[in-house]
Amino acid sequence: MLLALDPYPALLRLLDHTDEDIISDTISSIYKLILTGKDTTPQNSKHPHFETMSAACGIEKIFKLFQRTACGIEQIFKLFQRNNQNEDIKDTASLCLGRLFRAKDFPNELMKNQIVNHIKSLKDDANKWTRETANDILEELTCADENQDDDTEEDEDQEEYEEDEDEEDEDEVKKILNLTD
């Protein structure tokens, strides 16, 4: 019911907020919405919210949030904080993108490498939920890669078959032409 109200555009705008608490709550809300669609379609099909997020430029916005890092004095201060909210935001952003790209290719290798490597690092997280979620998402992404590889192999097999057929057709034409000369 909430998804019928198209909450993603408003939530995505909140990611530009200056208050880290609001950003953290927003990315958590986005993750929970993405999670609601997880089991509504088979694991090997694209996430049902992928198109909506893509149309709202959500993928780019979440990736920018993931890449954002604090610098200078602010970064040093955050290292001494007990709860590093910036890292939690980065973790949740990577989990959002991992869920969305479960049966889709990442738009570029940079995004794929950064997101997948970060999710892999979460497999050793102190938080049990984070570890289990990271493992679940990596399994989905692995299945997606295997499906992509299978599709590529099928395409290559089809191309080879078509090339063989073309060569056979050319051979038959040559035989016919030689017979009629």
N, C-alpha and C. Protein backbone atom coordinates (compact mmCIF):
# COMPACT_ATOMS: atom_id res chain seq x y z
N MET A 1 0.82 -1.19 0.00
CA MET A 1 0.00 0.00 0.00
C MET A 1 0.87 1.27 0.00
N LEU A 2 1.90 1.26 0.80
CA LEU A 2 2.80 2.41 0.86
C LEU A 2 3.47 2.64 -0.48
N LEU A 3 3.82 1.56 -1.16
CA LEU A 3 4.49 1.70 -2.46
C LEU A 3 3.59 2.34 -3.50
N ALA A 4 2.28 2.22 -3.33
CA ALA A 4 1.34 2.85 -4.26
C ALA A 4 1.46 4.38 -4.20
N LEU A 5 1.97 4.88 -3.10
CA LEU A 5 2.15 6.33 -2.94
C LEU A 5 3.47 6.83 -3.55
N ASP A 6 4.26 5.92 -4.12
CA ASP A 6 5.54 6.24 -4.76
C ASP A 6 6.46 7.04 -3.82
N PRO A 7 6.90 6.39 -2.74
CA PRO A 7 7.71 7.11 -1.75
C PRO A 7 9.16 7.36 -2.14
N TYR A 8 9.65 6.66 -3.16
CA TYR A 8 11.08 6.76 -3.46
C TYR A 8 11.56 8.17 -3.81
N PRO A 9 10.87 8.92 -4.66
CA PRO A 9 11.40 10.26 -4.98
C PRO A 9 11.59 11.15 -3.75
N ALA A 10 10.63 11.15 -2.84
CA ALA A 10 10.75 11.98 -1.64
C ALA A 10 11.88 11.47 -0.74
N LEU A 11 11.96 10.16 -0.58
CA LEU A 11 13.03 9.60 0.25
C LEU A 11 14.40 9.89 -0.35
N LEU A 12 14.50 9.78 -1.65
CA LEU A 12 15.79 10.04 -2.31
C LEU A 12 16.23 11.49 -2.14
N ARG A 13 15.27 12.41 -2.13
CA ARG A 13 15.62 13.82 -1.90
C ARG A 13 16.18 14.01 -0.49
N LEU A 14 15.67 13.23 0.47
CA LEU A 14 16.15 13.35 1.85
C LEU A 14 17.61 12.90 2.01
N LEU A 15 18.11 12.14 1.05
CA LEU A 15 19.51 11.71 1.13
C LEU A 15 20.48 12.89 0.98
N ASP A 16 19.97 14.03 0.49
CA ASP A 16 20.80 15.23 0.35
C ASP A 16 20.81 16.07 1.63
N HIS A 17 20.08 15.64 2.63
CA HIS A 17 19.98 16.39 3.88
C HIS A 17 21.35 16.48 4.55
N THR A 18 21.55 17.49 5.37
CA THR A 18 22.84 17.67 6.05
C THR A 18 22.91 16.92 7.38
N ASP A 19 21.77 16.53 7.92
CA ASP A 19 21.72 15.83 9.20
C ASP A 19 21.94 14.33 8.99
N GLU A 20 23.00 13.80 9.56
CA GLU A 20 23.34 12.38 9.40
C GLU A 20 22.24 11.46 9.94
N ASP A 21 21.54 11.89 11.00
CA ASP A 21 20.45 11.06 11.53
C ASP A 21 19.34 10.90 10.51
N ILE A 22 19.01 11.97 9.83
CA ILE A 22 17.95 11.92 8.81
C ILE A 22 18.40 11.05 7.64
N ILE A 23 19.64 11.21 7.23
CA ILE A 23 20.16 10.39 6.13
C ILE A 23 20.15 8.91 6.53
N SER A 24 20.58 8.62 7.74
CA SER A 24 20.61 7.23 8.21
C SER A 24 19.20 6.63 8.25
N ASP A 25 18.25 7.38 8.81
CA ASP A 25 16.86 6.89 8.86
C ASP A 25 16.30 6.71 7.45
N THR A 26 16.65 7.61 6.56
CA THR A 26 16.14 7.56 5.18
C THR A 26 16.67 6.34 4.44
N ILE A 27 17.98 6.10 4.51
CA ILE A 27 18.54 4.95 3.78
C ILE A 27 18.03 3.65 4.39
N SER A 28 17.79 3.64 5.69
CA SER A 28 17.20 2.46 6.33
C SER A 28 15.78 2.23 5.85
N SER A 29 15.02 3.31 5.69
CA SER A 29 13.65 3.21 5.18
C SER A 29 13.65 2.70 3.74
N ILE A 30 14.57 3.21 2.94
CA ILE A 30 14.67 2.76 1.55
C ILE A 30 15.00 1.27 1.53
N TYR A 31 15.93 0.84 2.38
CA TYR A 31 16.28 -0.58 2.41
C TYR A 31 15.06 -1.43 2.78
N LYS A 32 14.30 -0.98 3.76
CA LYS A 32 13.12 -1.75 4.18
C LYS A 32 12.09 -1.84 3.06
N LEU A 33 11.92 -0.77 2.30
CA LEU A 33 11.01 -0.82 1.15
C LEU A 33 11.53 -1.80 0.09
N ILE A 34 12.82 -1.75 -0.18
CA ILE A 34 13.42 -2.67 -1.15
C ILE A 34 13.23 -4.11 -0.67
N LEU A 35 13.38 -4.31 0.63
CA LEU A 35 13.23 -5.64 1.21
C LEU A 35 11.81 -6.18 1.03
N THR A 36 10.81 -5.30 1.03
CA THR A 36 9.42 -5.77 0.86
C THR A 36 9.22 -6.41 -0.51
N GLY A 37 9.99 -6.03 -1.48
CA GLY A 37 9.85 -6.60 -2.82
C GLY A 37 10.71 -7.83 -3.05
N LYS A 38 11.59 -8.13 -2.12
CA LYS A 38 12.56 -9.22 -2.29
C LYS A 38 11.91 -10.55 -2.62
N ASP A 39 10.88 -10.92 -1.89
CA ASP A 39 10.28 -12.25 -2.06
C ASP A 39 9.04 -12.25 -2.94
N THR A 40 8.75 -11.14 -3.60
CA THR A 40 7.55 -11.10 -4.45
C THR A 40 7.82 -11.61 -5.86
N THR A 41 9.09 -11.75 -6.20
CA THR A 41 9.47 -12.28 -7.51
C THR A 41 10.59 -13.30 -7.31
N PRO A 42 10.78 -14.20 -8.27
CA PRO A 42 11.86 -15.19 -8.12
C PRO A 42 13.22 -14.51 -8.01
N GLN A 43 14.12 -15.18 -7.32
CA GLN A 43 15.46 -14.65 -7.07
C GLN A 43 16.22 -14.37 -8.36
N ASN A 44 15.93 -15.13 -9.42
CA ASN A 44 16.67 -14.95 -10.66
C ASN A 44 16.03 -13.93 -11.60
N SER A 45 15.02 -13.21 -11.12
CA SER A 45 14.44 -12.13 -11.92
C SER A 45 14.77 -10.79 -11.28
N LYS A 46 14.66 -9.74 -12.08
CA LYS A 46 15.06 -8.43 -11.53
C LYS A 46 14.13 -8.04 -10.38
N HIS A 47 14.68 -7.24 -9.49
CA HIS A 47 13.93 -6.79 -8.32
C HIS A 47 12.74 -5.96 -8.79
N PRO A 48 11.56 -6.15 -8.18
CA PRO A 48 10.37 -5.43 -8.64
C PRO A 48 10.46 -3.91 -8.49
N HIS A 49 11.35 -3.42 -7.66
CA HIS A 49 11.49 -1.97 -7.47
C HIS A 49 12.62 -1.39 -8.31
N PHE A 50 13.31 -2.23 -9.06
CA PHE A 50 14.48 -1.77 -9.82
C PHE A 50 14.11 -0.64 -10.78
N GLU A 51 13.08 -0.83 -11.57
CA GLU A 51 12.70 0.18 -12.57
C GLU A 51 12.29 1.49 -11.90
N THR A 52 11.53 1.39 -10.81
CA THR A 52 11.09 2.60 -10.09
C THR A 52 12.29 3.37 -9.56
N MET A 53 13.22 2.64 -8.94
CA MET A 53 14.42 3.29 -8.40
C MET A 53 15.28 3.87 -9.52
N SER A 54 15.38 3.14 -10.60
CA SER A 54 16.18 3.60 -11.73
C SER A 54 15.59 4.87 -12.34
N ALA A 55 14.27 4.88 -12.51
CA ALA A 55 13.59 6.04 -13.09
C ALA A 55 13.73 7.28 -12.20
N ALA A 56 13.82 7.07 -10.90
CA ALA A 56 13.95 8.19 -9.96
C ALA A 56 15.42 8.56 -9.72
N CYS A 57 16.33 7.99 -10.51
CA CYS A 57 17.78 8.19 -10.36
C CYS A 57 18.27 7.74 -8.98
N GLY A 58 17.54 6.81 -8.40
CA GLY A 58 17.88 6.32 -7.06
C GLY A 58 19.16 5.53 -7.01
N ILE A 59 19.44 4.80 -8.06
CA ILE A 59 20.65 3.97 -8.06
C ILE A 59 21.88 4.87 -8.01
N GLU A 60 21.89 5.90 -8.84
CA GLU A 60 23.02 6.83 -8.84
C GLU A 60 23.13 7.56 -7.50
N LYS A 61 21.99 7.95 -6.96
CA LYS A 61 21.99 8.71 -5.70
C LYS A 61 22.49 7.85 -4.54
N ILE A 62 22.05 6.59 -4.50
CA ILE A 62 22.49 5.69 -3.43
C ILE A 62 23.97 5.37 -3.60
N PHE A 63 24.43 5.22 -4.84
CA PHE A 63 25.85 4.95 -5.07
C PHE A 63 26.70 6.14 -4.64
N LYS A 64 26.25 7.36 -4.92
CA LYS A 64 26.99 8.55 -4.47
C LYS A 64 27.04 8.60 -2.95
N LEU A 65 25.93 8.23 -2.31
CA LEU A 65 25.90 8.19 -0.85
C LEU A 65 26.90 7.15 -0.34
N PHE A 66 26.94 6.01 -1.00
CA PHE A 66 27.88 4.95 -0.63
C PHE A 66 29.32 5.45 -0.74
N GLN A 67 29.62 6.19 -1.80
CA GLN A 67 30.99 6.65 -2.05
C GLN A 67 31.40 7.83 -1.17
N ARG A 68 30.42 8.52 -0.61
CA ARG A 68 30.72 9.71 0.18
C ARG A 68 31.53 9.36 1.42
N THR A 69 32.55 10.11 1.66
CA THR A 69 33.34 9.89 2.88
C THR A 69 33.61 11.22 3.53
N ALA A 70 33.71 11.19 4.83
CA ALA A 70 34.07 12.40 5.57
C ALA A 70 35.57 12.62 5.43
N CYS A 71 36.01 13.85 5.60
CA CYS A 71 37.45 14.10 5.47
C CYS A 71 37.92 15.02 6.59
N GLY A 72 39.21 15.05 6.77
CA GLY A 72 39.83 15.96 7.72
C GLY A 72 39.47 15.67 9.17
N ILE A 73 39.28 16.74 9.94
CA ILE A 73 38.99 16.66 11.37
C ILE A 73 37.72 15.86 11.61
N GLU A 74 36.72 16.07 10.76
CA GLU A 74 35.44 15.36 10.93
C GLU A 74 35.65 13.85 10.87
N GLN A 75 36.50 13.39 9.96
CA GLN A 75 36.76 11.96 9.83
C GLN A 75 37.48 11.43 11.07
N ILE A 76 38.45 12.16 11.57
CA ILE A 76 39.19 11.73 12.76
C ILE A 76 38.24 11.65 13.95
N PHE A 77 37.36 12.64 14.09
CA PHE A 77 36.39 12.63 15.18
C PHE A 77 35.48 11.41 15.09
N LYS A 78 35.03 11.11 13.88
CA LYS A 78 34.13 9.97 13.70
C LYS A 78 34.81 8.65 14.04
N LEU A 79 36.12 8.57 13.84
CA LEU A 79 36.83 7.35 14.18
C LEU A 79 36.77 7.07 15.68
N PHE A 80 36.68 8.14 16.48
CA PHE A 80 36.64 7.97 17.92
C PHE A 80 35.22 7.79 18.45
N GLN A 81 34.23 7.99 17.60
CA GLN A 81 32.85 7.79 18.04
C GLN A 81 32.57 6.30 18.17
N ARG A 82 31.75 5.97 19.15
CA ARG A 82 31.42 4.56 19.39
C ARG A 82 30.58 4.01 18.25
N ASN A 83 29.63 4.76 17.77
CA ASN A 83 28.74 4.30 16.70
C ASN A 83 29.03 5.13 15.46
N ASN A 84 29.75 4.58 14.53
CA ASN A 84 30.13 5.32 13.32
C ASN A 84 28.95 5.31 12.35
N GLN A 85 28.13 6.33 12.44
CA GLN A 85 26.92 6.42 11.64
C GLN A 85 27.23 6.48 10.15
N ASN A 86 28.31 7.14 9.79
CA ASN A 86 28.70 7.25 8.39
C ASN A 86 28.95 5.87 7.79
N GLU A 87 29.58 4.99 8.55
CA GLU A 87 29.85 3.63 8.07
C GLU A 87 28.55 2.83 7.97
N ASP A 88 27.63 3.04 8.91
CA ASP A 88 26.33 2.37 8.84
C ASP A 88 25.56 2.79 7.59
N ILE A 89 25.64 4.07 7.26
CA ILE A 89 24.98 4.57 6.06
C ILE A 89 25.59 3.91 4.83
N LYS A 90 26.91 3.83 4.80
CA LYS A 90 27.60 3.20 3.67
C LYS A 90 27.21 1.73 3.55
N ASP A 91 27.17 1.03 4.69
CA ASP A 91 26.78 -0.38 4.69
C ASP A 91 25.37 -0.56 4.14
N THR A 92 24.44 0.24 4.63
CA THR A 92 23.04 0.11 4.20
C THR A 92 22.89 0.48 2.73
N ALA A 93 23.61 1.49 2.27
CA ALA A 93 23.56 1.85 0.85
C ALA A 93 24.05 0.70 -0.01
N SER A 94 25.13 0.03 0.41
CA SER A 94 25.64 -1.11 -0.38
C SER A 94 24.65 -2.26 -0.38
N LEU A 95 23.97 -2.48 0.74
CA LEU A 95 22.97 -3.55 0.80
C LEU A 95 21.77 -3.23 -0.09
N CYS A 96 21.38 -1.95 -0.13
CA CYS A 96 20.28 -1.54 -1.03
C CYS A 96 20.63 -1.87 -2.48
N LEU A 97 21.82 -1.46 -2.89
CA LEU A 97 22.23 -1.69 -4.28
C LEU A 97 22.41 -3.18 -4.57
N GLY A 98 22.93 -3.91 -3.61
CA GLY A 98 23.08 -5.35 -3.79
C GLY A 98 21.73 -6.02 -4.02
N ARG A 99 20.73 -5.61 -3.26
CA ARG A 99 19.38 -6.17 -3.43
C ARG A 99 18.81 -5.78 -4.80
N LEU A 100 18.97 -4.54 -5.18
CA LEU A 100 18.40 -4.08 -6.45
C LEU A 100 19.03 -4.75 -7.66
N PHE A 101 20.31 -5.06 -7.59
CA PHE A 101 21.01 -5.64 -8.74
C PHE A 101 21.09 -7.16 -8.68
N ARG A 102 20.13 -7.80 -8.02
CA ARG A 102 20.19 -9.25 -7.84
C ARG A 102 20.15 -10.02 -9.16
N ALA A 103 19.49 -9.53 -10.17
CA ALA A 103 19.44 -10.25 -11.45
C ALA A 103 19.73 -9.30 -12.61
N LYS A 104 20.46 -8.26 -12.32
CA LYS A 104 20.81 -7.26 -13.33
C LYS A 104 22.31 -7.05 -13.30
N ASP A 105 22.84 -6.63 -14.42
CA ASP A 105 24.25 -6.24 -14.47
C ASP A 105 24.38 -4.85 -13.86
N PHE A 106 25.44 -4.64 -13.12
CA PHE A 106 25.74 -3.29 -12.64
C PHE A 106 26.05 -2.44 -13.86
N PRO A 107 25.76 -1.14 -13.81
CA PRO A 107 25.98 -0.30 -14.99
C PRO A 107 27.45 -0.15 -15.37
N ASN A 108 28.34 -0.35 -14.40
CA ASN A 108 29.77 -0.27 -14.73
C ASN A 108 30.57 -1.10 -13.74
N GLU A 109 31.79 -1.42 -14.12
CA GLU A 109 32.65 -2.28 -13.30
C GLU A 109 33.05 -1.61 -11.98
N LEU A 110 33.23 -0.29 -12.01
CA LEU A 110 33.61 0.42 -10.79
C LEU A 110 32.54 0.22 -9.72
N MET A 111 31.28 0.45 -10.09
CA MET A 111 30.20 0.29 -9.14
C MET A 111 30.14 -1.16 -8.66
N LYS A 112 30.21 -2.09 -9.58
CA LYS A 112 30.13 -3.51 -9.22
C LYS A 112 31.24 -3.88 -8.24
N ASN A 113 32.47 -3.51 -8.56
CA ASN A 113 33.60 -3.86 -7.70
C ASN A 113 33.48 -3.25 -6.32
N GLN A 114 33.14 -1.97 -6.26
CA GLN A 114 33.05 -1.30 -4.96
C GLN A 114 31.93 -1.88 -4.11
N ILE A 115 30.77 -2.09 -4.71
CA ILE A 115 29.62 -2.59 -3.95
C ILE A 115 29.86 -4.03 -3.52
N VAL A 116 30.24 -4.89 -4.45
CA VAL A 116 30.44 -6.31 -4.12
C VAL A 116 31.56 -6.47 -3.09
N ASN A 117 32.65 -5.75 -3.26
CA ASN A 117 33.75 -5.86 -2.29
C ASN A 117 33.33 -5.39 -0.91
N HIS A 118 32.53 -4.33 -0.87
CA HIS A 118 32.08 -3.85 0.44
C HIS A 118 31.13 -4.86 1.09
N ILE A 119 30.22 -5.42 0.30
CA ILE A 119 29.31 -6.43 0.86
C ILE A 119 30.10 -7.64 1.33
N LYS A 120 31.13 -8.02 0.58
CA LYS A 120 32.00 -9.13 1.03
C LYS A 120 32.63 -8.82 2.38
N SER A 121 33.03 -7.57 2.57
CA SER A 121 33.65 -7.19 3.85
C SER A 121 32.64 -7.28 4.99
N LEU A 122 31.36 -7.17 4.68
CA LEU A 122 30.32 -7.24 5.71
C LEU A 122 30.07 -8.67 6.18
N LYS A 123 30.60 -9.65 5.46
CA LYS A 123 30.45 -11.04 5.88
C LYS A 123 31.14 -11.29 7.22
N ASP A 124 32.08 -10.43 7.59
CA ASP A 124 32.82 -10.57 8.84
C ASP A 124 32.39 -9.54 9.89
N ASP A 125 31.27 -8.88 9.65
CA ASP A 125 30.79 -7.84 10.55
C ASP A 125 30.45 -8.43 11.92
N ALA A 126 30.56 -7.62 12.96
CA ALA A 126 30.25 -8.07 14.31
C ALA A 126 28.75 -8.33 14.49
N ASN A 127 27.93 -7.64 13.71
CA ASN A 127 26.48 -7.78 13.82
C ASN A 127 26.00 -8.99 13.02
N LYS A 128 25.29 -9.89 13.69
CA LYS A 128 24.83 -11.13 13.05
C LYS A 128 23.91 -10.84 11.87
N TRP A 129 22.96 -9.90 12.04
CA TRP A 129 22.03 -9.58 10.95
C TRP A 129 22.79 -9.09 9.72
N THR A 130 23.78 -8.25 9.94
CA THR A 130 24.57 -7.72 8.82
C THR A 130 25.31 -8.85 8.10
N ARG A 131 25.92 -9.75 8.87
CA ARG A 131 26.63 -10.89 8.26
C ARG A 131 25.68 -11.74 7.42
N GLU A 132 24.52 -12.09 8.00
CA GLU A 132 23.57 -12.95 7.29
C GLU A 132 23.01 -12.26 6.05
N THR A 133 22.72 -10.98 6.17
CA THR A 133 22.19 -10.22 5.03
C THR A 133 23.24 -10.14 3.92
N ALA A 134 24.48 -9.87 4.29
CA ALA A 134 25.56 -9.80 3.29
C ALA A 134 25.69 -11.14 2.57
N ASN A 135 25.67 -12.23 3.32
CA ASN A 135 25.76 -13.56 2.69
C ASN A 135 24.59 -13.82 1.76
N ASP A 136 23.39 -13.44 2.18
CA ASP A 136 22.19 -13.62 1.35
C ASP A 136 22.31 -12.83 0.04
N ILE A 137 22.73 -11.59 0.15
CA ILE A 137 22.85 -10.74 -1.04
C ILE A 137 23.96 -11.26 -1.96
N LEU A 138 25.08 -11.67 -1.39
CA LEU A 138 26.16 -12.21 -2.22
C LEU A 138 25.71 -13.47 -2.95
N GLU A 139 24.90 -14.28 -2.30
CA GLU A 139 24.36 -15.47 -2.95
C GLU A 139 23.48 -15.08 -4.13
N GLU A 140 22.63 -14.06 -3.93
CA GLU A 140 21.78 -13.58 -5.03
C GLU A 140 22.62 -13.03 -6.18
N LEU A 141 23.64 -12.27 -5.85
CA LEU A 141 24.50 -11.70 -6.89
C LEU A 141 25.28 -12.79 -7.62
N THR A 142 25.69 -13.82 -6.91
CA THR A 142 26.39 -14.95 -7.54
C THR A 142 25.47 -15.66 -8.51
N CYS A 143 24.22 -15.88 -8.08
CA CYS A 143 23.23 -16.51 -8.97
C CYS A 143 23.02 -15.65 -10.21
N ALA A 144 22.97 -14.34 -10.02
CA ALA A 144 22.78 -13.43 -11.15
C ALA A 144 23.95 -13.54 -12.12
N ASP A 145 25.18 -13.59 -11.58
CA ASP A 145 26.37 -13.73 -12.43
C ASP A 145 26.34 -15.05 -13.19
N GLU A 146 25.94 -16.12 -12.50
CA GLU A 146 25.86 -17.43 -13.16
C GLU A 146 24.82 -17.41 -14.27
N ASN A 147 23.67 -16.75 -14.00
CA ASN A 147 22.64 -16.64 -15.03
C ASN A 147 23.15 -15.83 -16.21
N GLN A 148 23.90 -14.75 -15.94
CA GLN A 148 24.47 -13.94 -17.01
C GLN A 148 25.46 -14.77 -17.82
N ASP A 149 26.28 -15.58 -17.11
CA ASP A 149 27.25 -16.44 -17.81
C ASP A 149 26.53 -17.47 -18.66
N ASP A 150 25.44 -18.06 -18.12
CA ASP A 150 24.66 -19.04 -18.89
C ASP A 150 24.07 -18.39 -20.12
N ASP A 151 23.52 -17.17 -19.95
CA ASP A 151 22.94 -16.45 -21.08
C ASP A 151 24.00 -16.16 -22.13
N THR A 152 25.19 -15.76 -21.68
CA THR A 152 26.29 -15.47 -22.61
C THR A 152 26.71 -16.73 -23.35
N GLU A 153 26.82 -17.85 -22.62
CA GLU A 153 27.18 -19.11 -23.27
C GLU A 153 26.13 -19.53 -24.28
N GLU A 154 24.84 -19.36 -23.92
CA GLU A 154 23.77 -19.70 -24.86
C GLU A 154 23.84 -18.83 -26.10
N ASP A 155 24.10 -17.53 -25.91
CA ASP A 155 24.23 -16.62 -27.04
C ASP A 155 25.40 -17.03 -27.93
N GLU A 156 26.54 -17.38 -27.30
CA GLU A 156 27.72 -17.80 -28.06
C GLU A 156 27.43 -19.10 -28.81
N ASP A 157 26.75 -20.04 -28.15
CA ASP A 157 26.39 -21.31 -28.81
C ASP A 157 25.49 -21.04 -30.01
N GLN A 158 24.52 -20.14 -29.82
CA GLN A 158 23.60 -19.80 -30.91
C GLN A 158 24.36 -19.16 -32.07
N GLU A 159 25.30 -18.25 -31.76
CA GLU A 159 26.10 -17.61 -32.80
C GLU A 159 26.94 -18.64 -33.56
N GLU A 160 27.55 -19.58 -32.82
CA GLU A 160 28.35 -20.62 -33.47
C GLU A 160 27.47 -21.48 -34.38
N TYR A 161 26.27 -21.81 -33.90
CA TYR A 161 25.34 -22.62 -34.69
C TYR A 161 24.97 -21.88 -35.97
N GLU A 162 24.67 -20.57 -35.82
CA GLU A 162 24.29 -19.78 -37.00
C GLU A 162 25.47 -19.67 -37.97
N GLU A 163 26.69 -19.51 -37.44
CA GLU A 163 27.87 -19.44 -38.31
C GLU A 163 28.06 -20.76 -39.06
N ASP A 164 27.88 -21.88 -38.35
CA ASP A 164 28.00 -23.20 -38.99
C ASP A 164 26.96 -23.35 -40.09
N GLU A 165 25.73 -22.90 -39.80
CA GLU A 165 24.66 -22.98 -40.81
C GLU A 165 25.01 -22.13 -42.02
N ASP A 166 25.54 -20.92 -41.78
CA ASP A 166 25.92 -20.03 -42.88
C ASP A 166 27.01 -20.67 -43.74
N GLU A 167 27.99 -21.29 -43.10
CA GLU A 167 29.07 -21.97 -43.83
C GLU A 167 28.51 -23.12 -44.66
N GLU A 168 27.58 -23.88 -44.08
CA GLU A 168 26.96 -24.99 -44.81
C GLU A 168 26.18 -24.47 -46.01
N ASP A 169 25.45 -23.36 -45.81
CA ASP A 169 24.70 -22.75 -46.91
C ASP A 169 25.64 -22.30 -48.02
N GLU A 170 26.76 -21.67 -47.63
CA GLU A 170 27.74 -21.22 -48.62
C GLU A 170 28.31 -22.41 -49.39
N ASP A 171 28.60 -23.50 -48.68
CA ASP A 171 29.13 -24.70 -49.34
C ASP A 171 28.12 -25.26 -50.34
N GLU A 172 26.84 -25.27 -49.96
CA GLU A 172 25.81 -25.78 -50.87
C GLU A 172 25.69 -24.90 -52.11
N VAL A 173 25.75 -23.58 -51.91
CA VAL A 173 25.67 -22.66 -53.04
C VAL A 173 26.86 -22.89 -53.97
N LYS A 174 28.06 -23.07 -53.41
CA LYS A 174 29.24 -23.33 -54.23
C LYS A 174 29.08 -24.62 -55.02
N LYS A 175 28.55 -25.65 -54.39
CA LYS A 175 28.33 -26.92 -55.09
C LYS A 175 27.36 -26.75 -56.24
N ILE A 176 26.29 -26.03 -55.99
CA ILE A 176 25.28 -25.81 -57.03
C ILE A 176 25.89 -25.02 -58.18
N LEU A 177 26.64 -23.98 -57.85
CA LEU A 177 27.27 -23.16 -58.89
C LEU A 177 28.27 -23.97 -59.70
N ASN A 178 29.01 -24.82 -59.06
CA ASN A 178 29.97 -25.67 -59.75
C ASN A 178 29.27 -26.67 -60.66
N LEU A 179 28.12 -27.13 -60.26
CA LEU A 179 27.37 -28.10 -61.07
C LEU A 179 26.78 -27.46 -62.31
N THR A 180 26.39 -26.21 -62.21
CA THR A 180 25.72 -25.55 -63.32
C THR A 180 26.69 -24.96 -64.33
N ASP A 181 27.95 -24.82 -63.99
CA ASP A 181 28.93 -24.24 -64.92
C ASP A 181 29.22 -25.13 -66.08
